[in-house]
C-alpha atoms as a PDB file:
ATOM      1  CA  UNK A   1      11.785   0.653 -10.800  1.00  0.00           C
ATOM      2  CA  UNK A   2      11.210   0.160  -7.093  1.00  0.00           C
ATOM      3  CA  UNK A   3       8.570  -2.748  -6.227  1.00  0.00           C
ATOM      4  CA  UNK A   4       9.110  -4.192  -9.821  1.00  0.00           C
ATOM      5  CA  UNK A   5      10.486  -7.694  -9.894  1.00  0.00           C
ATOM      6  CA  UNK A   6      13.932  -8.072 -11.567  1.00  0.00           C
ATOM      7  CA  UNK A   7      17.351  -6.614 -10.898  1.00  0.00           C
ATOM      8  CA  UNK A   8      18.724  -3.306 -11.872  1.00  0.00           C
ATOM      9  CA  UNK A   9      20.587  -4.813 -15.006  1.00  0.00           C
ATOM     10  CA  UNK A  10      17.225  -6.324 -16.171  1.00  0.00           C
ATOM     11  CA  UNK A  11      15.626  -2.862 -15.768  1.00  0.00           C
ATOM     12  CA  UNK A  12      18.469  -1.232 -17.795  1.00  0.00           C
ATOM     13  CA  UNK A  13      17.871  -3.675 -20.369  1.00  0.00           C
ATOM     14  CA  UNK A  14      14.079  -3.044 -20.414  1.00  0.00           C
ATOM     15  CA  UNK A  15      14.323   0.750 -20.833  1.00  0.00           C
ATOM     16  CA  UNK A  16      17.068   0.375 -23.602  1.00  0.00           C
ATOM     17  CA  UNK A  17      14.673  -2.143 -25.576  1.00  0.00           C
ATOM     18  CA  UNK A  18      11.707   0.094 -24.974  1.00  0.00           C
ATOM     19  CA  UNK A  19      13.705   3.224 -26.384  1.00  0.00           C
ATOM     20  CA  UNK A  20      14.830   1.182 -29.372  1.00  0.00           C
ATOM     21  CA  UNK A  21      11.175   0.077 -29.954  1.00  0.00           C
ATOM     22  CA  UNK A  22       9.864   3.861 -29.615  1.00  0.00           C
ATOM     23  CA  UNK A  23      12.562   4.916 -32.052  1.00  0.00           C
ATOM     24  CA  UNK A  24      11.627   2.196 -34.437  1.00  0.00           C
ATOM     25  CA  UNK A  25       7.865   2.657 -34.562  1.00  0.00           C
ATOM     26  CA  UNK A  26       8.112   6.070 -36.008  1.00  0.00           C
ATOM     27  CA  UNK A  27      10.156   4.843 -38.844  1.00  0.00           C
ATOM     28  CA  UNK A  28       8.925   3.813 -42.397  1.00  0.00           C
ATOM     29  CA  UNK A  29       9.666   0.109 -41.887  1.00  0.00           C
ATOM     30  CA  UNK A  30       8.186   0.264 -38.291  1.00  0.00           C
ATOM     31  CA  UNK A  31       9.346  -1.966 -35.443  1.00  0.00           C
ATOM     32  CA  UNK A  32      10.038  -5.566 -36.369  1.00  0.00           C
ATOM     33  CA  UNK A  33       9.788  -7.952 -33.566  1.00  0.00           C
ATOM     34  CA  UNK A  34      13.399  -8.466 -32.141  1.00  0.00           C
ATOM     35  CA  UNK A  35      15.133 -10.494 -29.593  1.00  0.00           C
ATOM     36  CA  UNK A  36      17.821  -8.741 -27.415  1.00  0.00           C
ATOM     37  CA  UNK A  37      20.206 -11.072 -25.621  1.00  0.00           C
ATOM     38  CA  UNK A  38      22.566  -9.680 -22.932  1.00  0.00           C
ATOM     39  CA  UNK A  39      25.739 -11.229 -21.269  1.00  0.00           C
ATOM     40  CA  UNK A  40      26.555 -11.024 -17.751  1.00  0.00           C
ATOM     41  CA  UNK A  41      29.112  -8.325 -18.698  1.00  0.00           C
ATOM     42  CA  UNK A  42      26.457  -6.316 -20.418  1.00  0.00           C
ATOM     43  CA  UNK A  43      27.276  -7.092 -23.962  1.00  0.00           C
ATOM     44  CA  UNK A  44      24.131  -6.951 -26.142  1.00  0.00           C
ATOM     45  CA  UNK A  45      22.994  -8.618 -29.475  1.00  0.00           C
ATOM     46  CA  UNK A  46      19.928  -8.086 -31.381  1.00  0.00           C
ATOM     47  CA  UNK A  47      18.052 -10.230 -33.861  1.00  0.00           C
ATOM     48  CA  UNK A  48      15.100  -8.864 -35.716  1.00  0.00           C
ATOM     49  CA  UNK A  49      12.381 -11.173 -37.228  1.00  0.00           C
ATOM     50  CA  UNK A  50      10.337 -10.289 -40.356  1.00  0.00           C
ATOM     51  CA  UNK A  51       8.452 -11.799 -43.304  1.00  0.00           C
ATOM     52  CA  UNK A  52       5.467 -13.164 -41.486  1.00  0.00           C
ATOM     53  CA  UNK A  53       2.494 -12.574 -38.973  1.00  0.00           C
ATOM     54  CA  UNK A  54       3.190 -10.705 -36.129  1.00  0.00           C
ATOM     55  CA  UNK A  55       2.067 -13.891 -33.647  1.00  0.00           C
ATOM     56  CA  UNK A  56       4.558 -15.879 -35.663  1.00  0.00           C
ATOM     57  CA  UNK A  57       7.410 -13.715 -35.562  1.00  0.00           C
ATOM     58  CA  UNK A  58       6.884 -13.031 -31.742  1.00  0.00           C
ATOM     59  CA  UNK A  59       6.633 -16.768 -31.228  1.00  0.00           C
ATOM     60  CA  UNK A  60       9.966 -17.211 -33.081  1.00  0.00           C
ATOM     61  CA  UNK A  61      11.740 -14.562 -31.050  1.00  0.00           C
ATOM     62  CA  UNK A  62      10.432 -16.327 -27.969  1.00  0.00           C
ATOM     63  CA  UNK A  63      11.753 -19.551 -29.134  1.00  0.00           C
ATOM     64  CA  UNK A  64      15.158 -17.962 -29.711  1.00  0.00           C
ATOM     65  CA  UNK A  65      14.949 -16.635 -25.984  1.00  0.00           C
ATOM     66  CA  UNK A  66      14.377 -20.261 -24.751  1.00  0.00           C
ATOM     67  CA  UNK A  67      17.448 -21.408 -26.636  1.00  0.00           C
ATOM     68  CA  UNK A  68      19.679 -18.514 -25.547  1.00  0.00           C
ATOM     69  CA  UNK A  69      22.597 -18.876 -23.132  1.00  0.00           C
ATOM     70  CA  UNK A  70      22.588 -15.152 -22.335  1.00  0.00           C
ATOM     71  CA  UNK A  71      22.223 -13.747 -18.682  1.00  0.00           C
ATOM     72  CA  UNK A  72      19.076 -11.595 -19.716  1.00  0.00           C
ATOM     73  CA  UNK A  73      16.935 -11.700 -22.760  1.00  0.00           C
ATOM     74  CA  UNK A  74      14.060  -9.248 -23.796  1.00  0.00           C
ATOM     75  CA  UNK A  75      11.693  -9.553 -26.864  1.00  0.00           C
ATOM     76  CA  UNK A  76       9.989  -6.419 -28.343  1.00  0.00           C
ATOM     77  CA  UNK A  77       7.214  -5.899 -30.814  1.00  0.00           C
ATOM     78  CA  UNK A  78       4.652  -3.096 -31.642  1.00  0.00           C
ATOM     79  CA  UNK A  79       1.482  -4.389 -30.176  1.00  0.00           C
ATOM     80  CA  UNK A  80      -1.749  -3.407 -28.602  1.00  0.00           C
ATOM     81  CA  UNK A  81      -2.977  -3.041 -25.000  1.00  0.00           C
ATOM     82  CA  UNK A  82      -6.623  -3.627 -24.371  1.00  0.00           C
ATOM     83  CA  UNK A  83      -8.431  -1.567 -21.668  1.00  0.00           C
ATOM     84  CA  UNK A  84     -11.838  -0.231 -20.636  1.00  0.00           C
ATOM     85  CA  UNK A  85     -11.523   2.725 -22.901  1.00  0.00           C
ATOM     86  CA  UNK A  86     -10.493   0.761 -26.059  1.00  0.00           C
ATOM     87  CA  UNK A  87      -7.262  -0.541 -27.499  1.00  0.00           C
ATOM     88  CA  UNK A  88      -4.119   1.608 -27.217  1.00  0.00           C
ATOM     89  CA  UNK A  89      -1.079   1.166 -29.230  1.00  0.00           C
ATOM     90  CA  UNK A  90       2.079   0.114 -27.210  1.00  0.00           C
ATOM     91  CA  UNK A  91       5.788  -1.042 -27.537  1.00  0.00           C
ATOM     92  CA  UNK A  92       5.689  -4.275 -25.819  1.00  0.00           C
ATOM     93  CA  UNK A  93       8.612  -5.925 -24.066  1.00  0.00           C
ATOM     94  CA  UNK A  94       8.867  -9.337 -22.355  1.00  0.00           C
ATOM     95  CA  UNK A  95      12.081  -9.843 -20.576  1.00  0.00           C
ATOM     96  CA  UNK A  96      13.534 -12.165 -18.088  1.00  0.00           C
ATOM     97  CA  UNK A  97      17.108 -12.755 -16.462  1.00  0.00           C
ATOM     98  CA  UNK A  98      18.353 -15.956 -15.033  1.00  0.00           C
ATOM     99  CA  UNK A  99      17.266 -16.959 -11.796  1.00  0.00           C
ATOM    100  CA  UNK A 100      13.781 -15.457 -12.364  1.00  0.00           C
ATOM    101  CA  UNK A 101      10.749 -18.015 -12.295  1.00  0.00           C
ATOM    102  CA  UNK A 102       8.756 -15.845 -14.813  1.00  0.00           C
ATOM    103  CA  UNK A 103       9.182 -13.514 -17.550  1.00  0.00           C
ATOM    104  CA  UNK A 104       7.908  -9.891 -17.142  1.00  0.00           C
ATOM    105  CA  UNK A 105       6.015  -7.872 -19.847  1.00  0.00           C
ATOM    106  CA  UNK A 106       6.301  -4.336 -19.975  1.00  0.00           C
ATOM    107  CA  UNK A 107       4.622  -1.593 -22.128  1.00  0.00           C
ATOM    108  CA  UNK A 108       4.758   1.870 -23.096  1.00  0.00           C
ATOM    109  CA  UNK A 109       1.771   3.244 -24.717  1.00  0.00           C
ATOM    110  CA  UNK A 110       2.031   5.857 -27.517  1.00  0.00           C
ATOM    111  CA  UNK A 111       0.031   7.642 -30.291  1.00  0.00           C
ATOM    112  CA  UNK A 112       1.063   8.879 -33.596  1.00  0.00           C
ATOM    113  CA  UNK A 113       0.854  12.666 -34.388  1.00  0.00           C
ATOM    114  CA  UNK A 114       1.371  12.502 -38.284  1.00  0.00           C
ATOM    115  CA  UNK A 115       4.993  10.562 -38.393  1.00  0.00           C
ATOM    116  CA  UNK A 116       5.738  11.817 -34.780  1.00  0.00           C
ATOM    117  CA  UNK A 117       5.747   9.227 -32.116  1.00  0.00           C
ATOM    118  CA  UNK A 118       4.363  10.566 -28.935  1.00  0.00           C
ATOM    119  CA  UNK A 119       4.669   8.496 -25.759  1.00  0.00           C
ATOM    120  CA  UNK A 120       1.597   8.133 -23.601  1.00  0.00           C
ATOM    121  CA  UNK A 121       2.352   8.171 -19.887  1.00  0.00           C
ATOM    122  CA  UNK A 122       5.216   6.106 -18.495  1.00  0.00           C
ATOM    123  CA  UNK A 123       6.407   2.482 -19.241  1.00  0.00           C
ATOM    124  CA  UNK A 124       4.901   0.049 -16.759  1.00  0.00           C
ATOM    125  CA  UNK A 125       4.808  -3.355 -15.870  1.00  0.00           C
ATOM    126  CA  UNK A 126       1.633  -4.987 -17.195  1.00  0.00           C
ATOM    127  CA  UNK A 127       1.890  -8.741 -16.701  1.00  0.00           C
ATOM    128  CA  UNK A 128       3.979 -11.812 -15.540  1.00  0.00           C
ATOM    129  CA  UNK A 129       4.159 -14.664 -18.013  1.00  0.00           C
ATOM    130  CA  UNK A 130       5.861 -18.227 -18.092  1.00  0.00           C
ATOM    131  CA  UNK A 131       9.740 -18.386 -18.127  1.00  0.00           C
ATOM    132  CA  UNK A 132      11.268 -17.998 -21.453  1.00  0.00           C
ATOM    133  CA  UNK A 133      14.595 -19.237 -20.424  1.00  0.00           C
ATOM    134  CA  UNK A 134      15.408 -22.782 -20.819  1.00  0.00           C
END
């Protein structure tokens, strides 16, 4: 991802989490907000959040990221992108690695054709946000 902040390891994590999200949105249970933590050796753990409002669950995942000792963290959820042509569904990922001053927000837009998830365009960086890592 030339020209996008973050190292190669962070970019790999983001793509893996986006793939997880795209697979999950098409399941009957959908995509539960999740926190993915990655160690310096590349070992990953995932914790899903359920049983509340989306904003509350994403905020809980963000608190988990702040408390994390992992080298890299990513949070994913099924969200919306607002644009001049209206809102679009998207798998959202906010990710950060140690040493970065800010977290990065990525999105993969999609539509549903019945039960089939159809990616729209390519994933991309959509924003930078405050640091998640404590």
